[in-house]
Amino acid sequence: MATNMGFRLSKQRKVILEELQKVTSHPTADEVYDMVRKIIPRISLGTVYRNLEFLSSKGLVLKLGAPGAQKRFDGTPEPHPHIRCEVCTSVADVECEVEVPTIPDSCTSGYKILNTNVEFVGICPRCQETQQ
């Protein structure tokens, strides 16, 4: 269960990470919990939440979502663009090359840039059908 990052993953963290890496749906913590319970039936929702936060803090998963919105998780930690439905909050990967914007150091107000998240917001096809 060792990783190349200098720490070990517990069985629970390893299962959570593996299950998250199997899907492209960008599940919520509740959805990850439902997936992981099939393998570890006695795991608690709180444990899943804490471990998702840990995996996110270590850069092994991406935590996605607008401020105040329910967070979704992505098992592909490399930065890549997403598109989020404003109605149902589903998230998908953008399946084409998108140029990531950069900002000159003179415009960062002294911030050290750590990451760039590109997220497009729209209405998914399912919600468009519902609205018509």
C-alpha atoms as a PDB file:
ATOM      1  CA  MET A   1       0.000   0.000   0.000  1.00  0.00           C
ATOM      2  CA  ALA A   2       2.967   2.324  -0.224  1.00  0.00           C
ATOM      3  CA  THR A   3       2.923   5.262  -2.559  1.00  0.00           C
ATOM      4  CA  ASN A   4       5.684   7.194  -4.215  1.00  0.00           C
ATOM      5  CA  MET A   5       4.759  10.267  -2.175  1.00  0.00           C
ATOM      6  CA  GLY A   6       6.416   9.191   1.060  1.00  0.00           C
ATOM      7  CA  PHE A   7       3.303   7.998   2.908  1.00  0.00           C
ATOM      8  CA  ARG A   8       1.236   4.839   3.050  1.00  0.00           C
ATOM      9  CA  LEU A   9      -2.391   4.452   2.094  1.00  0.00           C
ATOM     10  CA  SER A  10      -4.606   2.568   4.516  1.00  0.00           C
ATOM     11  CA  LYS A  11      -6.863  -0.135   3.099  1.00  0.00           C
ATOM     12  CA  GLN A  12      -9.817   2.262   3.295  1.00  0.00           C
ATOM     13  CA  ARG A  13      -8.002   5.050   1.448  1.00  0.00           C
ATOM     14  CA  LYS A  14      -6.742   2.628  -1.170  1.00  0.00           C
ATOM     15  CA  VAL A  15     -10.264   1.294  -1.843  1.00  0.00           C
ATOM     16  CA  ILE A  16     -11.726   4.820  -1.983  1.00  0.00           C
ATOM     17  CA  LEU A  17      -9.028   5.899  -4.450  1.00  0.00           C
ATOM     18  CA  GLU A  18      -9.407   2.767  -6.594  1.00  0.00           C
ATOM     19  CA  GLU A  19     -13.197   3.102  -6.766  1.00  0.00           C
ATOM     20  CA  LEU A  20     -12.939   6.780  -7.647  1.00  0.00           C
ATOM     21  CA  GLN A  21     -10.435   6.022 -10.404  1.00  0.00           C
ATOM     22  CA  LYS A  22     -12.857   3.508 -11.969  1.00  0.00           C
ATOM     23  CA  VAL A  23     -15.497   6.120 -12.799  1.00  0.00           C
ATOM     24  CA  THR A  24     -15.663   9.287 -14.875  1.00  0.00           C
ATOM     25  CA  SER A  25     -18.855  10.591 -13.277  1.00  0.00           C
ATOM     26  CA  HIS A  26     -17.166  12.873 -10.705  1.00  0.00           C
ATOM     27  CA  PRO A  27     -19.225  11.495  -7.788  1.00  0.00           C
ATOM     28  CA  THR A  28     -20.175  13.258  -4.585  1.00  0.00           C
ATOM     29  CA  ALA A  29     -18.877  11.916  -1.270  1.00  0.00           C
ATOM     30  CA  ASP A  30     -22.254  10.218  -0.743  1.00  0.00           C
ATOM     31  CA  GLU A  31     -21.928   8.468  -4.096  1.00  0.00           C
ATOM     32  CA  VAL A  32     -18.351   7.397  -3.295  1.00  0.00           C
ATOM     33  CA  TYR A  33     -19.650   6.062   0.025  1.00  0.00           C
ATOM     34  CA  ASP A  34     -22.241   3.929  -1.826  1.00  0.00           C
ATOM     35  CA  MET A  35     -19.510   2.582  -4.125  1.00  0.00           C
ATOM     36  CA  VAL A  36     -17.064   1.777  -1.314  1.00  0.00           C
ATOM     37  CA  ARG A  37     -19.685   0.132   0.932  1.00  0.00           C
ATOM     38  CA  LYS A  38     -19.954  -2.700  -1.592  1.00  0.00           C
ATOM     39  CA  ILE A  39     -16.340  -3.572  -0.749  1.00  0.00           C
ATOM     40  CA  ILE A  40     -16.102  -2.400   2.885  1.00  0.00           C
ATOM     41  CA  PRO A  41     -19.678  -2.741   4.226  1.00  0.00           C
ATOM     42  CA  ARG A  42     -18.905  -1.328   7.687  1.00  0.00           C
ATOM     43  CA  ILE A  43     -17.246   1.877   6.499  1.00  0.00           C
ATOM     44  CA  SER A  44     -18.950   5.050   7.722  1.00  0.00           C
ATOM     45  CA  LEU A  45     -19.884   8.091   5.673  1.00  0.00           C
ATOM     46  CA  GLY A  46     -17.689  10.224   7.937  1.00  0.00           C
ATOM     47  CA  THR A  47     -14.704   8.007   7.212  1.00  0.00           C
ATOM     48  CA  VAL A  48     -15.286   8.396   3.472  1.00  0.00           C
ATOM     49  CA  TYR A  49     -15.518  12.189   3.829  1.00  0.00           C
ATOM     50  CA  ARG A  50     -12.316  12.383   5.895  1.00  0.00           C
ATOM     51  CA  ASN A  51     -10.415  10.124   3.519  1.00  0.00           C
ATOM     52  CA  LEU A  52     -11.575  12.037   0.430  1.00  0.00           C
ATOM     53  CA  GLU A  53     -10.309  15.220   2.085  1.00  0.00           C
ATOM     54  CA  PHE A  54      -6.997  13.500   2.857  1.00  0.00           C
ATOM     55  CA  LEU A  55      -6.612  12.175  -0.704  1.00  0.00           C
ATOM     56  CA  SER A  56      -7.450  15.621  -2.040  1.00  0.00           C
ATOM     57  CA  SER A  57      -4.931  17.317   0.267  1.00  0.00           C
ATOM     58  CA  LYS A  58      -2.224  14.937  -0.967  1.00  0.00           C
ATOM     59  CA  GLY A  59      -3.032  15.625  -4.628  1.00  0.00           C
ATOM     60  CA  LEU A  60      -4.252  12.095  -5.343  1.00  0.00           C
ATOM     61  CA  VAL A  61      -7.786  13.224  -6.278  1.00  0.00           C
ATOM     62  CA  LEU A  62      -9.321  16.511  -7.349  1.00  0.00           C
ATOM     63  CA  LYS A  63     -12.060  18.133  -5.287  1.00  0.00           C
ATOM     64  CA  LEU A  64     -14.437  20.045  -7.539  1.00  0.00           C
ATOM     65  CA  GLY A  65     -17.320  22.399  -6.960  1.00  0.00           C
ATOM     66  CA  ALA A  66     -18.340  25.983  -6.705  1.00  0.00           C
ATOM     67  CA  PRO A  67     -18.164  27.606  -3.254  1.00  0.00           C
ATOM     68  CA  GLY A  68     -21.187  26.541  -1.214  1.00  0.00           C
ATOM     69  CA  ALA A  69     -22.023  23.702  -3.609  1.00  0.00           C
ATOM     70  CA  GLN A  70     -21.757  20.006  -2.843  1.00  0.00           C
ATOM     71  CA  LYS A  71     -18.255  18.861  -3.722  1.00  0.00           C
ATOM     72  CA  ARG A  72     -17.539  16.254  -6.342  1.00  0.00           C
ATOM     73  CA  PHE A  73     -14.382  14.192  -6.659  1.00  0.00           C
ATOM     74  CA  ASP A  74     -12.258  13.215  -9.636  1.00  0.00           C
ATOM     75  CA  GLY A  75      -9.874  10.256  -9.578  1.00  0.00           C
ATOM     76  CA  THR A  76      -7.710  11.894 -12.255  1.00  0.00           C
ATOM     77  CA  PRO A  77      -5.582  14.334 -10.256  1.00  0.00           C
ATOM     78  CA  GLU A  78      -3.820  16.001 -13.177  1.00  0.00           C
ATOM     79  CA  PRO A  79      -5.338  19.432 -13.866  1.00  0.00           C
ATOM     80  CA  HIS A  80      -7.858  19.280 -16.707  1.00  0.00           C
ATOM     81  CA  PRO A  81     -10.955  21.290 -17.633  1.00  0.00           C
ATOM     82  CA  HIS A  82     -14.469  20.385 -16.514  1.00  0.00           C
ATOM     83  CA  ILE A  83     -17.983  21.393 -17.427  1.00  0.00           C
ATOM     84  CA  ARG A  84     -20.667  21.633 -14.725  1.00  0.00           C
ATOM     85  CA  CYS A  85     -24.438  21.737 -15.126  1.00  0.00           C
ATOM     86  CA  GLU A  86     -25.891  24.765 -13.390  1.00  0.00           C
ATOM     87  CA  VAL A  87     -29.179  22.923 -12.850  1.00  0.00           C
ATOM     88  CA  CYS A  88     -28.303  19.413 -11.591  1.00  0.00           C
ATOM     89  CA  THR A  89     -24.620  20.094 -10.684  1.00  0.00           C
ATOM     90  CA  SER A  90     -23.344  17.082 -12.661  1.00  0.00           C
ATOM     91  CA  VAL A  91     -19.723  17.426 -13.776  1.00  0.00           C
ATOM     92  CA  ALA A  92     -17.979  16.049 -16.859  1.00  0.00           C
ATOM     93  CA  ASP A  93     -14.495  16.269 -18.285  1.00  0.00           C
ATOM     94  CA  VAL A  94     -14.055  18.562 -21.287  1.00  0.00           C
ATOM     95  CA  GLU A  95     -13.001  16.105 -23.977  1.00  0.00           C
ATOM     96  CA  CYS A  96     -10.847  18.402 -26.093  1.00  0.00           C
ATOM     97  CA  GLU A  97      -7.698  20.448 -25.680  1.00  0.00           C
ATOM     98  CA  VAL A  98      -8.323  23.753 -23.941  1.00  0.00           C
ATOM     99  CA  GLU A  99      -5.601  26.324 -23.456  1.00  0.00           C
ATOM    100  CA  VAL A 100      -5.182  26.962 -19.749  1.00  0.00           C
ATOM    101  CA  PRO A 101      -5.009  30.683 -18.999  1.00  0.00           C
ATOM    102  CA  THR A 102      -1.898  32.068 -17.354  1.00  0.00           C
ATOM    103  CA  ILE A 103      -1.431  35.219 -15.337  1.00  0.00           C
ATOM    104  CA  PRO A 104       1.752  37.299 -15.198  1.00  0.00           C
ATOM    105  CA  ASP A 105       3.427  37.530 -11.783  1.00  0.00           C
ATOM    106  CA  SER A 106       2.816  41.281 -11.859  1.00  0.00           C
ATOM    107  CA  CYS A 107      -0.946  40.631 -11.717  1.00  0.00           C
ATOM    108  CA  THR A 108      -1.115  38.123  -8.851  1.00  0.00           C
ATOM    109  CA  SER A 109      -1.188  40.624  -5.977  1.00  0.00           C
ATOM    110  CA  GLY A 110       1.716  38.726  -4.440  1.00  0.00           C
ATOM    111  CA  TYR A 111      -0.005  35.326  -4.566  1.00  0.00           C
ATOM    112  CA  LYS A 112       2.050  32.260  -5.389  1.00  0.00           C
ATOM    113  CA  ILE A 113      -0.034  30.386  -7.976  1.00  0.00           C
ATOM    114  CA  LEU A 114      -0.339  26.711  -7.021  1.00  0.00           C
ATOM    115  CA  ASN A 115      -2.945  25.469  -9.475  1.00  0.00           C
ATOM    116  CA  THR A 116      -5.369  26.549 -12.155  1.00  0.00           C
ATOM    117  CA  ASN A 117      -8.875  25.125 -12.375  1.00  0.00           C
ATOM    118  CA  VAL A 118     -10.780  25.611 -15.610  1.00  0.00           C
ATOM    119  CA  GLU A 119     -14.509  25.020 -15.243  1.00  0.00           C
ATOM    120  CA  PHE A 120     -17.181  25.806 -17.757  1.00  0.00           C
ATOM    121  CA  VAL A 121     -20.756  26.170 -16.538  1.00  0.00           C
ATOM    122  CA  GLY A 122     -23.771  25.311 -18.667  1.00  0.00           C
ATOM    123  CA  ILE A 123     -26.882  23.152 -18.772  1.00  0.00           C
ATOM    124  CA  CYS A 124     -26.448  19.446 -19.489  1.00  0.00           C
ATOM    125  CA  PRO A 125     -28.470  17.744 -22.254  1.00  0.00           C
ATOM    126  CA  ARG A 126     -30.738  15.954 -19.734  1.00  0.00           C
ATOM    127  CA  CYS A 127     -31.649  19.208 -17.977  1.00  0.00           C
ATOM    128  CA  GLN A 128     -32.162  20.945 -21.319  1.00  0.00           C
ATOM    129  CA  GLU A 129     -34.748  18.293 -22.233  1.00  0.00           C
ATOM    130  CA  THR A 130     -36.487  18.747 -18.881  1.00  0.00           C
ATOM    131  CA  GLN A 131     -36.660  22.517 -19.337  1.00  0.00           C
ATOM    132  CA  GLN A 132     -38.345  22.288 -22.751  1.00  0.00           C
END
